[in-house]
């Protein structure tokens, strides 16, 4: 059943709004039935300019409703929206996101900084929405009324959407993951053209450890105060390929017991995620 949109849309802000990830947030939020894109924030270099002046827009046309919005600094004293989408780079996300959570804002973060903290939900709504219960643990432990919720690495999300129904039905014991990731995943300006054209780069810094740990957390079980990681041995290998958008993930899965192809396909066909059930 599709949830009914609220009568009045909730005002939201985007931190790191001028970058590639921030622009993706803006595209998704510009005409959202639940959220009103009220504030855009970025570095001190961009603060005070209109968004059209500050952002080097990538791809299709910039949404008209954001062009004239004045860019704010990433400061909770100036950004007032109760819900904040963070597209900040991990090099600056940590302290900024903590400041917003301490100020009572709910931060939905794309950065890696807090993904593996015991009290921080790492969520795909269709798979593990129940992990959001950690927010109450987080608030009690850290003494704030706000909160931090994270999404996962892009390749981890793709993998878990396919693995969740299989793990639920059969239990996964071992997993081999090989990714072929588009250049868009490196952000803007991204990978130098002479490095990637006609080439495959068989290493992406920090990517493999993220895949190996995040999959286990998202497929894990919530206890009273933390997520018990799924007991799966994972080996991940990440590659950058000369594709503009869209990653490919190839996986070999060991269930510890024989599972026929027909049985696995039936589980995948019949599975409905929590958010769409």
Protein backbone atom coordinates (compact mmCIF):
# COMPACT_ATOMS: atom_id res chain seq x y z
CA UNK A 1 0.00 0.00 0.00
CA UNK A 2 1.37 3.42 -0.97
CA UNK A 3 1.61 5.80 2.03
CA UNK A 4 -0.57 8.92 1.84
CA UNK A 5 1.46 12.15 1.45
CA UNK A 6 1.11 14.63 4.33
CA UNK A 7 -1.15 17.68 3.96
CA UNK A 8 1.83 20.00 4.37
CA UNK A 9 5.24 19.06 3.02
CA UNK A 10 8.11 18.94 5.52
CA UNK A 11 10.85 21.56 4.96
CA UNK A 12 14.23 19.95 4.30
CA UNK A 13 17.78 21.11 3.64
CA UNK A 14 20.64 19.68 1.57
CA UNK A 15 24.21 20.01 2.85
CA UNK A 16 26.92 19.90 0.20
CA UNK A 17 24.30 21.01 -2.29
CA UNK A 18 26.66 22.15 -5.06
CA UNK A 19 28.47 18.81 -5.55
CA UNK A 20 27.46 15.85 -7.69
CA UNK A 21 25.74 13.99 -4.83
CA UNK A 22 24.04 17.17 -3.64
CA UNK A 23 22.68 17.75 -7.13
CA UNK A 24 21.24 14.24 -7.14
CA UNK A 25 19.48 14.97 -3.84
CA UNK A 26 18.06 18.16 -5.38
CA UNK A 27 16.72 16.29 -8.42
CA UNK A 28 14.98 13.78 -6.17
CA UNK A 29 13.59 16.34 -3.72
CA UNK A 30 12.59 19.16 -6.09
CA UNK A 31 9.02 17.92 -6.66
CA UNK A 32 8.73 15.40 -3.84
CA UNK A 33 5.18 14.92 -2.44
CA UNK A 34 6.40 14.73 1.19
CA UNK A 35 9.30 17.21 1.31
CA UNK A 36 9.72 20.90 0.48
CA UNK A 37 13.26 21.79 -0.54
CA UNK A 38 13.64 24.85 1.70
CA UNK A 39 17.38 25.36 2.19
CA UNK A 40 20.64 24.62 0.39
CA UNK A 41 24.00 24.74 2.13
CA UNK A 42 27.57 24.36 0.95
CA UNK A 43 31.11 25.58 1.63
CA UNK A 44 32.00 29.11 2.69
CA UNK A 45 33.12 29.69 -0.90
CA UNK A 46 29.53 29.21 -2.11
CA UNK A 47 27.66 30.73 0.84
CA UNK A 48 25.89 34.00 0.05
CA UNK A 49 25.56 33.30 -3.68
CA UNK A 50 22.40 32.16 -5.38
CA UNK A 51 22.41 28.47 -6.13
CA UNK A 52 22.58 29.19 -9.88
CA UNK A 53 25.74 31.24 -9.28
CA UNK A 54 27.36 28.74 -6.92
CA UNK A 55 26.68 25.39 -8.60
CA UNK A 56 28.25 24.01 -11.74
CA UNK A 57 25.18 21.98 -12.68
CA UNK A 58 25.84 18.59 -14.26
CA UNK A 59 23.58 17.04 -16.89
CA UNK A 60 19.95 18.04 -17.39
CA UNK A 61 18.44 21.44 -16.60
CA UNK A 62 18.69 22.80 -13.06
CA UNK A 63 15.24 22.75 -11.36
CA UNK A 64 13.82 26.25 -11.65
CA UNK A 65 12.72 26.43 -8.01
CA UNK A 66 16.29 26.20 -6.68
CA UNK A 67 18.02 28.68 -8.98
CA UNK A 68 17.35 31.72 -6.81
CA UNK A 69 17.81 30.11 -3.38
CA UNK A 70 20.65 31.75 -1.45
CA UNK A 71 23.25 29.18 -0.43
CA UNK A 72 23.87 29.02 3.32
CA UNK A 73 26.96 27.82 5.20
CA UNK A 74 26.73 24.31 6.70
CA UNK A 75 25.92 25.69 10.14
CA UNK A 76 22.92 24.54 12.23
CA UNK A 77 22.59 28.10 13.55
CA UNK A 78 21.64 29.22 10.03
CA UNK A 79 20.06 26.10 8.50
CA UNK A 80 16.72 25.67 10.28
CA UNK A 81 15.04 22.71 8.54
CA UNK A 82 14.31 19.81 10.91
CA UNK A 83 15.34 17.20 8.32
CA UNK A 84 18.74 17.47 6.67
CA UNK A 85 20.07 15.44 3.74
CA UNK A 86 23.87 15.40 3.86
CA UNK A 87 25.82 15.07 0.62
CA UNK A 88 29.04 16.21 2.29
CA UNK A 89 32.35 14.57 1.51
CA UNK A 90 33.60 12.32 4.28
CA UNK A 91 36.56 14.66 4.86
CA UNK A 92 34.20 17.26 6.35
CA UNK A 93 30.98 15.35 7.06
CA UNK A 94 31.87 14.08 10.52
CA UNK A 95 31.93 17.27 12.58
CA UNK A 96 29.23 19.01 10.55
CA UNK A 97 26.74 16.14 10.85
CA UNK A 98 27.44 15.82 14.58
CA UNK A 99 26.75 19.54 15.01
CA UNK A 100 23.37 19.23 13.29
CA UNK A 101 22.38 16.15 15.31
CA UNK A 102 23.36 17.90 18.55
CA UNK A 103 21.18 20.84 17.47
CA UNK A 104 18.16 18.54 17.26
CA UNK A 105 18.09 17.89 13.51
CA UNK A 106 17.62 14.49 11.91
CA UNK A 107 20.53 13.97 9.50
CA UNK A 108 20.21 11.53 6.60
CA UNK A 109 23.81 11.03 5.53
CA UNK A 110 25.39 9.73 2.36
CA UNK A 111 28.88 9.85 3.91
CA UNK A 112 30.78 6.86 5.30
CA UNK A 113 31.76 8.43 8.63
CA UNK A 114 29.10 6.93 10.92
CA UNK A 115 27.84 3.94 8.93
CA UNK A 116 29.45 1.31 11.13
CA UNK A 117 28.84 2.97 14.52
CA UNK A 118 26.92 0.58 16.77
CA UNK A 119 24.08 3.04 17.39
CA UNK A 120 23.69 4.42 13.85
CA UNK A 121 21.16 2.82 11.47
CA UNK A 122 22.53 1.84 8.05
CA UNK A 123 19.32 1.46 6.13
CA UNK A 124 17.74 0.26 2.92
CA UNK A 125 14.02 0.77 3.72
CA UNK A 126 12.92 -2.31 1.77
CA UNK A 127 15.38 -4.53 3.65
CA UNK A 128 15.97 -3.39 7.22
CA UNK A 129 13.63 -0.55 8.18
CA UNK A 130 13.46 -2.06 11.68
CA UNK A 131 17.07 -0.91 12.22
CA UNK A 132 15.68 2.63 12.54
CA UNK A 133 14.79 1.60 16.09
CA UNK A 134 18.45 2.29 16.90
CA UNK A 135 17.64 6.01 16.82
CA UNK A 136 16.19 5.83 20.33
CA UNK A 137 19.35 4.05 21.52
CA UNK A 138 21.47 6.69 19.80
CA UNK A 139 19.57 9.58 21.38
CA UNK A 140 19.79 8.08 24.85
CA UNK A 141 23.48 7.26 24.48
CA UNK A 142 24.57 10.57 22.96
CA UNK A 143 22.20 12.86 24.82
CA UNK A 144 20.69 14.61 21.82
CA UNK A 145 17.21 14.97 20.39
CA UNK A 146 18.39 14.83 16.78
CA UNK A 147 19.87 11.83 15.06
CA UNK A 148 22.00 10.40 12.28
CA UNK A 149 20.78 7.79 9.81
CA UNK A 150 23.04 6.63 6.99
CA UNK A 151 22.69 5.04 3.62
CA UNK A 152 25.27 2.57 2.37
CA UNK A 153 27.94 2.54 -0.28
CA UNK A 154 26.36 2.41 -3.74
CA UNK A 155 27.64 -1.08 -4.57
CA UNK A 156 26.61 -2.42 -1.15
CA UNK A 157 23.04 -1.23 -1.71
CA UNK A 158 22.80 -3.01 -5.06
CA UNK A 159 24.20 -6.22 -3.62
CA UNK A 160 21.95 -6.27 -0.55
CA UNK A 161 18.76 -5.73 -2.54
CA UNK A 162 19.47 -9.05 -4.29
CA UNK A 163 20.95 -10.85 -1.29
CA UNK A 164 18.31 -10.00 1.33
CA UNK A 165 15.59 -12.41 0.13
CA UNK A 166 18.14 -15.20 -0.39
CA UNK A 167 19.67 -14.71 3.05
CA UNK A 168 16.22 -14.61 4.64
CA UNK A 169 15.20 -17.86 2.94
CA UNK A 170 18.39 -19.93 2.99
CA UNK A 171 21.09 -18.20 5.05
CA UNK A 172 24.28 -17.08 3.28
CA UNK A 173 27.58 -18.39 4.64
CA UNK A 174 30.12 -17.06 2.09
CA UNK A 175 30.03 -14.38 -0.57
CA UNK A 176 32.36 -13.29 -3.36
CA UNK A 177 31.60 -9.85 -4.82
CA UNK A 178 33.15 -8.26 -7.91
CA UNK A 179 32.00 -4.78 -8.93
CA UNK A 180 32.33 -2.85 -12.17
CA UNK A 181 31.61 0.72 -11.14
CA UNK A 182 30.85 3.66 -13.41
CA UNK A 183 32.92 6.85 -13.40
CA UNK A 184 29.97 8.80 -11.95
CA UNK A 185 30.66 7.05 -8.65
CA UNK A 186 33.92 8.96 -8.35
CA UNK A 187 32.08 12.29 -8.25
CA UNK A 188 33.04 15.41 -10.19
CA UNK A 189 35.57 15.97 -11.78
CA UNK A 190 36.18 12.29 -11.09
CA UNK A 191 38.66 9.96 -12.79
CA UNK A 192 41.10 11.54 -15.31
CA UNK A 193 40.04 10.63 -18.85
CA UNK A 194 43.45 9.24 -19.85
CA UNK A 195 43.28 6.81 -16.91
CA UNK A 196 39.86 5.37 -17.73
CA UNK A 197 39.28 5.53 -21.50
CA UNK A 198 39.70 2.03 -22.92
CA UNK A 199 40.74 0.82 -19.49
CA UNK A 200 39.64 -0.92 -16.30
CA UNK A 201 41.10 0.32 -13.02
CA UNK A 202 41.18 -2.72 -10.70
CA UNK A 203 41.17 -0.77 -7.44
CA UNK A 204 38.93 1.85 -5.80
CA UNK A 205 40.33 3.25 -2.57
CA UNK A 206 38.42 2.18 0.57
CA UNK A 207 35.66 0.56 -1.49
CA UNK A 208 36.28 -3.10 -0.74
CA UNK A 209 36.31 -2.82 3.08
CA UNK A 210 33.07 -0.81 2.92
CA UNK A 211 31.35 -3.48 0.84
CA UNK A 212 32.56 -6.28 3.10
CA UNK A 213 31.38 -4.65 6.34
CA UNK A 214 28.25 -2.80 5.24
CA UNK A 215 26.61 -5.87 3.71
CA UNK A 216 27.00 -7.71 7.01
CA UNK A 217 25.45 -4.84 8.97
CA UNK A 218 22.44 -4.39 6.68
CA UNK A 219 21.74 -8.14 6.70
CA UNK A 220 22.30 -8.29 10.47
CA UNK A 221 19.76 -8.58 13.27
CA UNK A 222 18.85 -5.79 15.64
CA UNK A 223 19.40 -6.48 19.33
CA UNK A 224 18.45 -4.10 22.14
CA UNK A 225 21.36 -1.71 21.66
CA UNK A 226 23.12 -2.59 18.39
CA UNK A 227 23.06 -4.58 15.16
CA UNK A 228 24.57 -8.05 15.34
CA UNK A 229 26.42 -8.42 12.05
CA UNK A 230 25.37 -11.25 9.75
CA UNK A 231 27.75 -14.21 10.03
CA UNK A 232 28.91 -14.13 6.41
CA UNK A 233 32.47 -14.40 5.10
CA UNK A 234 32.80 -11.81 2.32
CA UNK A 235 35.54 -11.09 -0.20
CA UNK A 236 35.02 -7.99 -2.37
CA UNK A 237 36.92 -6.73 -5.40
CA UNK A 238 36.08 -3.28 -6.81
CA UNK A 239 36.87 -2.07 -10.33
CA UNK A 240 36.32 1.28 -12.05
CA UNK A 241 35.17 0.93 -15.67
CA UNK A 242 34.61 3.30 -18.60
CA UNK A 243 30.83 3.60 -18.18
CA UNK A 244 29.23 6.97 -17.41
CA UNK A 245 26.44 5.86 -15.06
CA UNK A 246 25.35 2.59 -13.48
CA UNK A 247 27.32 -0.03 -11.58
CA UNK A 248 27.35 -3.79 -12.14
CA UNK A 249 27.80 -6.27 -9.29
CA UNK A 250 28.64 -9.95 -9.89
CA UNK A 251 28.30 -12.30 -6.93
CA UNK A 252 28.98 -15.93 -6.10
CA UNK A 253 26.93 -17.05 -3.10
CA UNK A 254 27.48 -20.06 -0.84
CA UNK A 255 24.50 -21.04 1.30
CA UNK A 256 26.30 -23.82 3.15
CA UNK A 257 23.77 -26.27 1.76
CA UNK A 258 22.51 -27.03 -1.73
CA UNK A 259 20.02 -24.51 -3.11
CA UNK A 260 18.73 -25.13 -6.61
CA UNK A 261 18.46 -22.36 -9.18
CA UNK A 262 14.68 -22.77 -9.41
CA UNK A 263 14.28 -22.38 -5.65
CA UNK A 264 16.46 -19.25 -5.60
CA UNK A 265 14.59 -17.70 -8.54
CA UNK A 266 11.24 -18.39 -6.88
CA UNK A 267 12.36 -16.60 -3.71
CA UNK A 268 13.54 -13.59 -5.71
CA UNK A 269 10.27 -13.44 -7.68
CA UNK A 270 8.06 -13.64 -4.60
CA UNK A 271 9.99 -11.34 -2.28
CA UNK A 272 8.47 -7.99 -1.38
CA UNK A 273 10.50 -5.47 0.58
CA UNK A 274 9.30 -4.03 3.88
CA UNK A 275 8.58 -0.61 2.38
CA UNK A 276 6.46 -2.06 -0.44
CA UNK A 277 4.71 -4.88 1.43
